[in-house]
Amino acid sequence: MIKITHNTVDFTTKYTIEAKFKIKGVVEKSDIVGAIFGQTEGLLLDLDLRDLQKSGRIGRIEVENESKEGISEGIIKIPSSLTRKETALLAATIETVSRVGPCEAEIQLIEIRDVREAKRKQIIERAAELLKEWDEKSLEPSEIEEQIDTDIKLGEIISWGPESLPAGPNIDSNSEVILVEGRADVLNLLRIGVKNTVAVQGTQVPKSVISLTKKKESVIAFLDGDRGGTIILNELLQVAKLDYVARAPEGYEVEELTRKQMIKSLQNKKPVRATRGTKFIERKEHNKKESHLQRLLKKLKVKNYSIIEESFEKIEPGHSIGFNKSLEKLFEIPVGEIFEKIKDFKGAQFLIIDGILTKRLLSLLLKLKIKFIACKNKEEDLRIPEQIIVFFF
C-alpha cells in the first residue's frame, strides 16, 4: 500500500514552483511561510493553500533563507500536483505577497519545473545505459570480431602536433597526407589500412596542419558530403596547400562509409583546380539568389544587406543567428534552443536558421514580431503570412 502524506514531496508531485524573495529585514523561515498562507488566503477560492495542502494537492512549502546586512534573501519551493493552469495561477498568487511581518518583501517567480519531464529524461538515459550493457553482453561472433578490430585500430591513433590532433601513425613518415574532419574519420580510414591521416577538428584549421600541408608532396582533403564538409573545404582552400579533394557521397559522412565507399571516394578524388572551378559555379548560382535577397531586404529598408549574405557562409551547421533592426548580432545558438532562448532577445527582427522552418517555430516567431527569416527549407504545406518575409538559401 502506498501511503500519501501531505507535508512532503511525494510521488504525486507533477510540478515545482520555484521563486526567489528579497525581504528588507531579518526574518525566519516560518515567518515567510506564514506570510504566504496569510496573504494568499481568499484570493482564489478554489486555490486556498491550506485546503490544497490538506487534500495533498500541494506539498510542504520549502524555504531556503539567508540574512545578511539586514536583508533576507532566498528561494521558495512549492511542489504541486495541480493542473498546469492551476499551478500557474498559484505561482502568480505567490508573487502578490508584499510583506513578511513588518518587513517589505518582493517575491518573483524563477520557473515552474515539470518534475515528470526530469523523470522521463532520467528513464530515457537509464534505458540507453541498459541497452548499451545489453548489447555489450550479447555480441554476435561477427560483432566480436569487429569490436576487436576497432580496439586495435583505436590503439593505432596518435595525438599529433601541439594541438594533440587525432592522426594515423604514419603521418610524419609518408610523403602524402589525408586531411579529414574528426577522430572517427581517422579511425574509419585505419580500418582499411590508411595510416597517413590527420583530423582538422572543425572549421578553424590548426596552424600545425597548415604548416604540414606545405611540407608534403601530396595533400588530399577527404571530407563529408554535406554542407559542413563544404564549409571546411572552403576554409582549407583559403589557408592550406591542397592538391586533391575527395568527398563522401552526398548526405554521408566519412566516418559512416563502408570500405568499398571509402576506396571509391578516394579513387574519385579531384585536383584542386577542378574543385575551384566547381566552387566558382556554385558561387555564381548563389549570386542569383543574393539579388533576390537584396530585393526582399530593400522592402524592409535594409541598406547593409551584406551582413545577412555573409551569415549564410559563416553560420555553423544546425545553428541559428539573430539580428536586431540595426543588423547587430544578438545571438548565435543551436536551432534546438530557439524555443527556450529567443524570448530573451525581444529586439530580434532578423533570423537565419540552418534548418527547416516548422509551423510551431513560425507561430512563435510571429508572436515575437520577427520580420525576416532565412532558412534551408520549410515544413510541407506551411503557409507564410504576408507580415513576414521568408528567404530560402
Protein backbone atom coordinates (compact mmCIF):
# COMPACT_ATOMS: atom_id res chain seq x y z
CA MET A 1 0.00 0.00 0.00
CA ILE A 2 1.26 3.49 -0.91
CA LYS A 3 0.95 5.99 1.88
CA ILE A 4 0.18 9.58 0.87
CA THR A 5 1.50 12.32 3.14
CA HIS A 6 0.53 15.95 2.71
CA ASN A 7 3.62 17.56 4.21
CA THR A 8 6.31 16.10 1.97
CA VAL A 9 7.07 15.96 -1.74
CA ASP A 10 5.71 12.56 -2.77
CA PHE A 11 5.17 10.59 -5.95
CA THR A 12 2.11 12.67 -6.91
CA THR A 13 4.18 15.81 -7.48
CA LYS A 14 3.93 16.94 -11.09
CA TYR A 15 5.35 20.47 -10.94
CA THR A 16 7.58 22.51 -8.64
CA ILE A 17 7.06 26.26 -8.31
CA GLU A 18 10.38 27.94 -7.61
CA ALA A 19 10.52 31.62 -6.66
CA LYS A 20 13.13 33.96 -5.19
CA PHE A 21 12.48 36.54 -2.49
CA LYS A 22 14.08 39.64 -1.05
CA ILE A 23 12.89 40.97 2.31
CA LYS A 24 14.01 44.22 3.94
CA GLY A 25 14.57 42.77 7.39
CA VAL A 26 15.77 39.69 9.24
CA VAL A 27 13.05 37.04 9.26
CA GLU A 28 12.73 33.30 9.91
CA LYS A 29 11.54 30.63 7.50
CA SER A 30 8.33 30.21 9.46
CA ASP A 31 7.61 33.95 9.06
CA ILE A 32 7.87 33.63 5.26
CA VAL A 33 5.63 30.54 5.11
CA GLY A 34 3.09 32.22 7.40
CA ALA A 35 3.03 35.34 5.19
CA ILE A 36 2.40 33.22 2.11
CA PHE A 37 -0.53 31.42 3.73
CA GLY A 38 -1.95 34.59 5.26
CA GLN A 39 -1.73 36.95 2.28
CA THR A 40 -2.97 34.48 -0.33
CA GLU A 41 -5.96 33.33 1.71
CA GLY A 42 -9.24 34.16 -0.01
CA LEU A 43 -7.69 35.50 -3.25
CA LEU A 44 -8.73 32.43 -5.23
CA LEU A 45 -11.40 30.33 -3.52
CA ASP A 46 -10.52 27.13 -5.36
CA LEU A 47 -6.81 27.55 -4.64
CA ASP A 48 -6.68 28.17 -0.91
CA LEU A 49 -3.25 26.96 0.22
CA ARG A 50 -4.46 25.42 3.48
CA ASP A 51 -7.16 23.39 1.72
CA LEU A 52 -4.78 22.36 -1.06
CA GLN A 53 -2.21 21.15 1.45
CA LYS A 54 -4.82 19.26 3.48
CA SER A 55 -6.03 17.47 0.36
CA GLY A 56 -2.50 16.62 -0.72
CA ARG A 57 -2.64 18.70 -3.93
CA ILE A 58 0.39 20.73 -2.88
CA GLY A 59 3.25 19.57 -0.70
CA ARG A 60 5.25 21.20 2.05
CA ILE A 61 6.49 24.70 1.25
CA GLU A 62 10.29 24.67 1.45
CA VAL A 63 12.24 27.87 2.14
CA GLU A 64 15.98 28.50 1.82
CA ASN A 65 16.74 31.72 3.67
CA GLU A 66 19.93 33.69 4.31
CA SER A 67 20.10 37.05 6.09
CA LYS A 68 22.93 39.48 5.52
CA GLU A 69 23.25 43.17 6.44
CA GLY A 70 19.59 43.38 7.38
CA ILE A 71 18.32 41.81 4.13
CA SER A 72 16.86 38.31 3.88
CA GLU A 73 17.11 36.56 0.52
CA GLY A 74 16.49 33.05 -0.68
CA ILE A 75 14.36 30.55 -2.56
CA ILE A 76 10.80 29.25 -2.07
CA LYS A 77 9.83 25.85 -3.50
CA ILE A 78 6.23 24.60 -3.66
CA PRO A 79 5.55 21.07 -5.03
CA SER A 80 2.23 20.82 -6.89
CA SER A 81 0.01 18.06 -8.22
CA LEU A 82 -2.48 20.58 -9.64
CA THR A 83 -3.14 21.06 -13.35
CA ARG A 84 -0.82 23.29 -15.40
CA LYS A 85 -3.37 26.12 -15.34
CA GLU A 86 -3.95 25.85 -11.59
CA THR A 87 -0.21 25.66 -10.90
CA ALA A 88 0.41 28.82 -12.97
CA LEU A 89 -2.40 30.63 -11.08
CA LEU A 90 -0.90 29.56 -7.78
CA ALA A 91 2.54 30.81 -8.84
CA ALA A 92 1.06 34.17 -9.81
CA THR A 93 -0.73 34.35 -6.44
CA ILE A 94 2.52 33.78 -4.53
CA GLU A 95 4.06 36.80 -6.28
CA THR A 96 1.40 39.06 -4.69
CA VAL A 97 2.91 38.64 -1.21
CA SER A 98 4.34 42.07 -0.36
CA ARG A 99 5.15 41.89 3.35
CA VAL A 100 6.56 39.44 5.85
CA GLY A 101 5.55 40.67 9.26
CA PRO A 102 6.50 44.38 9.37
CA CYS A 103 9.08 44.00 6.59
CA GLU A 104 8.67 44.86 2.92
CA ALA A 105 9.00 41.81 0.69
CA GLU A 106 9.31 41.06 -3.00
CA ILE A 107 8.70 37.58 -4.41
CA GLN A 108 9.49 36.81 -8.04
CA LEU A 109 8.90 33.54 -9.91
CA ILE A 110 12.03 31.84 -11.26
CA GLU A 111 10.40 28.88 -13.01
CA ILE A 112 7.70 26.24 -12.90
CA ARG A 113 9.59 22.99 -13.37
CA ASP A 114 7.90 19.88 -14.76
CA VAL A 115 9.13 17.15 -12.42
CA ARG A 116 7.81 14.44 -14.72
CA GLU A 117 9.95 15.74 -17.58
CA ALA A 118 13.07 15.26 -15.47
CA LYS A 119 11.90 11.74 -14.63
CA ARG A 120 11.28 10.97 -18.31
CA LYS A 121 14.80 12.16 -19.15
CA GLN A 122 16.22 10.01 -16.37
CA ILE A 123 14.24 7.00 -17.62
CA ILE A 124 15.46 7.52 -21.21
CA GLU A 125 19.09 7.89 -20.11
CA ARG A 126 18.85 4.80 -17.93
CA ALA A 127 17.18 2.83 -20.73
CA ALA A 128 20.03 3.83 -23.05
CA GLU A 129 22.55 2.57 -20.48
CA LEU A 130 20.69 -0.72 -20.13
CA LEU A 131 20.54 -1.21 -23.91
CA LYS A 132 24.25 -0.47 -24.18
CA GLU A 133 25.05 -3.01 -21.44
CA TRP A 134 22.71 -5.50 -23.12
CA ASP A 135 24.39 -5.03 -26.49
CA GLU A 136 27.85 -5.47 -24.97
CA LYS A 137 26.80 -8.73 -23.34
CA SER A 138 25.08 -10.17 -26.42
CA LEU A 139 27.56 -9.59 -29.26
CA GLU A 140 27.34 -11.90 -32.27
CA PRO A 141 30.60 -13.60 -33.37
CA SER A 142 30.93 -11.19 -36.31
CA GLU A 143 30.36 -8.23 -33.96
CA ILE A 144 33.01 -9.52 -31.56
CA GLU A 145 35.50 -9.65 -34.42
CA GLU A 146 34.56 -6.12 -35.46
CA GLN A 147 34.92 -4.88 -31.86
CA ILE A 148 38.40 -6.41 -31.59
CA ASP A 149 39.34 -4.78 -34.91
CA THR A 150 38.05 -1.40 -33.68
CA ASP A 151 40.01 -1.68 -30.42
CA ILE A 152 43.19 -2.49 -32.35
CA LYS A 153 42.71 0.48 -34.67
CA LEU A 154 41.97 2.79 -31.72
CA GLY A 155 45.33 1.78 -30.32
CA GLU A 156 46.98 2.99 -33.54
CA ILE A 157 45.55 6.54 -33.34
CA ILE A 158 48.15 9.02 -32.11
CA SER A 159 47.93 12.59 -30.80
CA TRP A 160 49.84 14.74 -33.28
CA GLY A 161 51.19 18.28 -33.08
CA PRO A 162 50.85 20.94 -30.37
CA GLU A 163 47.05 20.73 -30.64
CA SER A 164 47.12 16.93 -29.97
CA LEU A 165 45.13 16.21 -33.13
CA PRO A 166 43.90 12.65 -33.84
CA ALA A 167 46.13 11.16 -36.55
CA GLY A 168 47.34 7.94 -38.10
CA PRO A 169 50.74 6.53 -37.03
CA ASN A 170 52.37 7.18 -40.46
CA ILE A 171 51.54 10.87 -40.77
CA ASP A 172 55.14 12.04 -40.43
CA SER A 173 56.80 9.24 -42.42
CA ASN A 174 54.59 9.40 -45.52
CA SER A 175 55.03 11.93 -48.34
CA GLU A 176 51.24 12.11 -48.74
CA VAL A 177 48.75 13.25 -46.09
CA ILE A 178 44.96 12.97 -45.98
CA LEU A 179 43.06 15.67 -44.10
CA VAL A 180 39.76 14.62 -42.52
CA GLU A 181 37.30 16.31 -40.17
CA GLY A 182 37.38 14.31 -36.91
CA ARG A 183 38.71 11.40 -34.87
CA ALA A 184 36.01 8.98 -36.11
CA ASP A 185 37.12 9.65 -39.71
CA VAL A 186 40.74 8.79 -38.82
CA LEU A 187 39.53 5.56 -37.19
CA ASN A 188 37.44 4.53 -40.20
CA LEU A 189 40.37 5.04 -42.56
CA LEU A 190 42.61 2.98 -40.25
CA ARG A 191 40.16 0.11 -40.77
CA ILE A 192 41.21 -0.05 -44.44
CA GLY A 193 44.90 0.41 -43.66
CA VAL A 194 45.18 4.15 -44.40
CA LYS A 195 47.54 5.48 -41.72
CA ASN A 196 48.66 8.87 -43.06
CA THR A 197 45.65 10.90 -41.88
CA VAL A 198 45.12 13.85 -39.55
CA ALA A 199 41.88 15.45 -38.31
CA VAL A 200 41.48 19.24 -38.56
CA GLN A 201 38.79 19.13 -35.82
CA GLY A 202 36.44 21.79 -37.22
CA THR A 203 36.36 24.84 -39.47
CA GLN A 204 39.28 26.66 -37.84
CA VAL A 205 42.24 24.84 -39.40
CA PRO A 206 45.13 24.42 -36.89
CA LYS A 207 48.40 26.16 -37.74
CA SER A 208 50.29 22.87 -37.46
CA VAL A 209 48.10 21.38 -40.23
CA ILE A 210 48.64 24.43 -42.46
CA SER A 211 52.39 24.08 -41.98
CA LEU A 212 52.25 20.31 -42.60
CA THR A 213 50.47 20.71 -45.97
CA LYS A 214 53.33 22.88 -47.22
CA LYS A 215 55.86 20.14 -46.47
CA LYS A 216 54.05 17.22 -48.09
CA GLU A 217 54.33 16.26 -51.76
CA SER A 218 50.62 15.41 -51.97
CA VAL A 219 47.76 16.68 -49.80
CA ILE A 220 44.23 15.23 -50.05
CA ALA A 221 41.20 16.66 -48.26
CA PHE A 222 38.71 13.83 -47.65
CA LEU A 223 35.52 15.43 -46.30
CA ASP A 224 31.86 14.71 -45.55
CA GLY A 225 29.32 15.00 -48.35
CA ASP A 226 27.27 17.67 -46.58
CA ARG A 227 27.32 21.43 -46.03
CA GLY A 228 29.68 21.05 -43.07
CA GLY A 229 32.21 19.38 -45.35
CA THR A 230 31.86 22.22 -47.86
CA ILE A 231 32.48 24.83 -45.16
CA ILE A 232 35.68 23.06 -44.05
CA LEU A 233 36.79 22.69 -47.68
CA ASN A 234 36.33 26.41 -48.32
CA GLU A 235 38.44 27.17 -45.25
CA LEU A 236 41.18 24.74 -46.33
CA LEU A 237 41.27 26.23 -49.82
CA GLN A 238 42.00 29.63 -48.31
CA VAL A 239 44.70 28.73 -45.76
CA ALA A 240 46.33 25.42 -46.72
CA LYS A 241 48.08 23.84 -49.70
CA LEU A 242 45.74 21.27 -51.24
CA ASP A 243 46.39 19.03 -54.24
CA TYR A 244 43.25 16.88 -54.32
CA VAL A 245 39.74 16.85 -52.88
CA ALA A 246 37.73 13.68 -52.14
CA ARG A 247 34.16 13.81 -50.84
CA ALA A 248 31.89 11.25 -49.25
CA PRO A 249 28.67 10.61 -51.24
CA GLU A 250 26.10 13.38 -50.82
CA GLY A 251 24.46 13.24 -47.40
CA TYR A 252 27.05 10.80 -45.98
CA GLU A 253 29.88 11.34 -43.50
CA VAL A 254 33.34 9.82 -43.87
CA GLU A 255 33.04 8.07 -40.50
CA GLU A 256 30.00 6.03 -41.65
CA LEU A 257 31.32 4.90 -45.05
CA THR A 258 31.96 1.24 -45.81
CA ARG A 259 35.35 0.01 -47.00
CA LYS A 260 34.12 -0.02 -50.61
CA GLN A 261 32.70 3.52 -50.37
CA MET A 262 35.91 4.94 -48.88
CA ILE A 263 38.11 3.37 -51.54
CA LYS A 264 35.81 4.59 -54.31
CA SER A 265 35.69 8.14 -52.87
CA LEU A 266 39.48 8.33 -52.66
CA GLN A 267 39.84 6.92 -56.19
CA ASN A 268 37.44 9.61 -57.44
CA LYS A 269 39.40 12.47 -55.87
CA LYS A 270 39.62 15.60 -57.99
CA PRO A 271 42.51 18.01 -58.49
CA VAL A 272 42.06 21.30 -56.65
CA ARG A 273 41.84 23.20 -59.96
CA ALA A 274 38.67 21.30 -60.86
CA THR A 275 37.29 21.89 -57.38
CA ARG A 276 37.93 25.62 -57.59
CA GLY A 277 36.02 25.69 -60.86
CA THR A 278 33.07 23.95 -59.21
CA LYS A 279 33.21 26.38 -56.33
CA PHE A 280 33.06 29.31 -58.77
CA ILE A 281 29.94 27.87 -60.41
CA GLU A 282 28.32 27.39 -57.00
CA ARG A 283 29.16 30.98 -56.11
CA LYS A 284 27.71 32.25 -59.36
CA GLU A 285 24.45 30.40 -58.72
CA HIS A 286 24.41 31.76 -55.19
CA ASN A 287 24.74 35.30 -56.51
CA LYS A 288 21.46 34.86 -58.38
CA LYS A 289 19.79 34.13 -55.06
CA GLU A 290 21.51 37.12 -53.50
CA SER A 291 19.93 39.53 -55.99
CA HIS A 292 16.52 38.20 -54.98
CA LEU A 293 17.55 38.50 -51.35
CA GLN A 294 18.56 42.12 -51.82
CA ARG A 295 15.15 42.94 -53.26
CA LEU A 296 13.47 41.35 -50.24
CA LEU A 297 15.65 43.22 -47.77
CA LYS A 298 15.05 46.52 -49.53
CA LYS A 299 11.35 46.11 -48.72
CA LEU A 300 12.39 46.22 -45.07
CA LYS A 301 14.56 49.30 -45.78
CA VAL A 302 17.76 47.36 -45.04
CA LYS A 303 20.81 49.00 -46.56
CA ASN A 304 23.74 46.92 -45.31
CA TYR A 305 22.38 43.59 -46.54
CA SER A 306 25.91 42.17 -46.95
CA ILE A 307 25.79 41.26 -43.24
CA ILE A 308 22.90 38.87 -43.93
CA GLU A 309 24.58 37.49 -47.06
CA GLU A 310 27.84 36.77 -45.25
CA SER A 311 25.97 34.98 -42.48
CA PHE A 312 24.89 32.27 -44.95
CA GLU A 313 28.57 31.35 -45.38
CA LYS A 314 29.57 31.71 -41.72
CA ILE A 315 26.67 30.03 -39.92
CA GLU A 316 27.58 26.78 -38.19
CA PRO A 317 25.63 23.66 -39.24
CA GLY A 318 22.46 23.29 -37.18
CA HIS A 319 22.72 26.80 -35.69
CA SER A 320 20.68 30.00 -35.84
CA ILE A 321 21.74 33.67 -35.81
CA GLY A 322 19.56 36.58 -34.71
CA PHE A 323 19.97 40.29 -35.50
CA ASN A 324 18.19 43.41 -34.29
CA LYS A 325 16.79 46.07 -36.65
CA SER A 326 20.28 47.64 -36.95
CA LEU A 327 21.67 44.23 -38.01
CA GLU A 328 23.69 43.91 -34.82
CA LYS A 329 24.12 40.23 -33.92
CA LEU A 330 22.17 39.37 -30.77
CA PHE A 331 22.81 35.63 -30.55
CA GLU A 332 24.10 32.50 -32.25
CA ILE A 333 22.60 29.35 -30.78
CA PRO A 334 21.71 25.78 -31.88
CA VAL A 335 18.35 25.60 -33.67
CA GLY A 336 17.03 23.27 -30.97
CA GLU A 337 17.44 26.01 -28.33
CA ILE A 338 15.43 28.70 -30.19
CA PHE A 339 12.16 27.94 -28.38
CA GLU A 340 13.80 28.29 -24.99
CA LYS A 341 16.13 31.25 -25.55
CA ILE A 342 14.80 33.53 -28.30
CA LYS A 343 12.29 35.13 -25.92
CA ASP A 344 15.27 36.63 -24.09
CA PHE A 345 16.11 38.64 -27.23
CA LYS A 346 12.97 40.73 -27.73
CA GLY A 347 14.76 43.09 -30.12
CA ALA A 348 15.38 40.34 -32.68
CA GLN A 349 13.89 41.11 -36.12
CA PHE A 350 16.09 39.10 -38.50
CA LEU A 351 16.66 35.36 -38.04
CA ILE A 352 18.85 32.96 -40.03
CA ILE A 353 18.30 29.24 -39.48
CA ASP A 354 20.49 26.42 -40.77
CA GLY A 355 17.50 24.12 -40.74
CA ILE A 356 13.79 23.75 -41.51
CA LEU A 357 11.09 26.29 -40.69
CA THR A 358 8.23 24.44 -38.94
CA LYS A 359 4.67 25.52 -38.17
CA ARG A 360 5.43 25.61 -34.46
CA LEU A 361 8.53 27.75 -34.93
CA LEU A 362 6.77 30.13 -37.34
CA SER A 363 3.95 30.60 -34.83
CA LEU A 364 6.47 31.59 -32.13
CA LEU A 365 8.35 33.98 -34.44
CA LEU A 366 5.12 35.71 -35.49
CA LYS A 367 4.29 36.39 -31.83
CA LEU A 368 7.76 37.89 -31.36
CA LYS A 369 7.21 40.11 -34.45
CA ILE A 370 10.23 38.76 -36.37
CA LYS A 371 10.23 40.47 -39.78
CA PHE A 372 12.64 38.31 -41.78
CA ILE A 373 13.57 34.62 -41.71
CA ALA A 374 16.22 32.91 -43.85
CA CYS A 375 16.27 29.11 -43.71
CA LYS A 376 17.16 25.97 -45.68
CA ASN A 377 13.62 24.69 -46.20
CA LYS A 378 10.13 24.73 -44.75
CA GLU A 379 7.73 22.15 -43.41
CA GLU A 380 5.42 20.69 -46.03
CA ASP A 381 2.19 22.69 -46.60
CA LEU A 382 3.47 25.54 -44.41
CA ARG A 383 1.77 28.81 -45.37
CA ILE A 384 3.79 32.00 -45.00
CA PRO A 385 1.68 35.01 -43.86
CA GLU A 386 2.16 38.38 -45.54
CA GLN A 387 3.55 40.12 -42.45
CA ILE A 388 6.78 38.12 -42.53
CA ILE A 389 9.41 37.63 -45.26
CA VAL A 390 10.97 34.19 -45.66
CA PHE A 391 14.05 33.54 -47.83
CA PHE A 392 15.44 30.08 -48.65
CA PHE A 393 19.22 29.84 -49.05
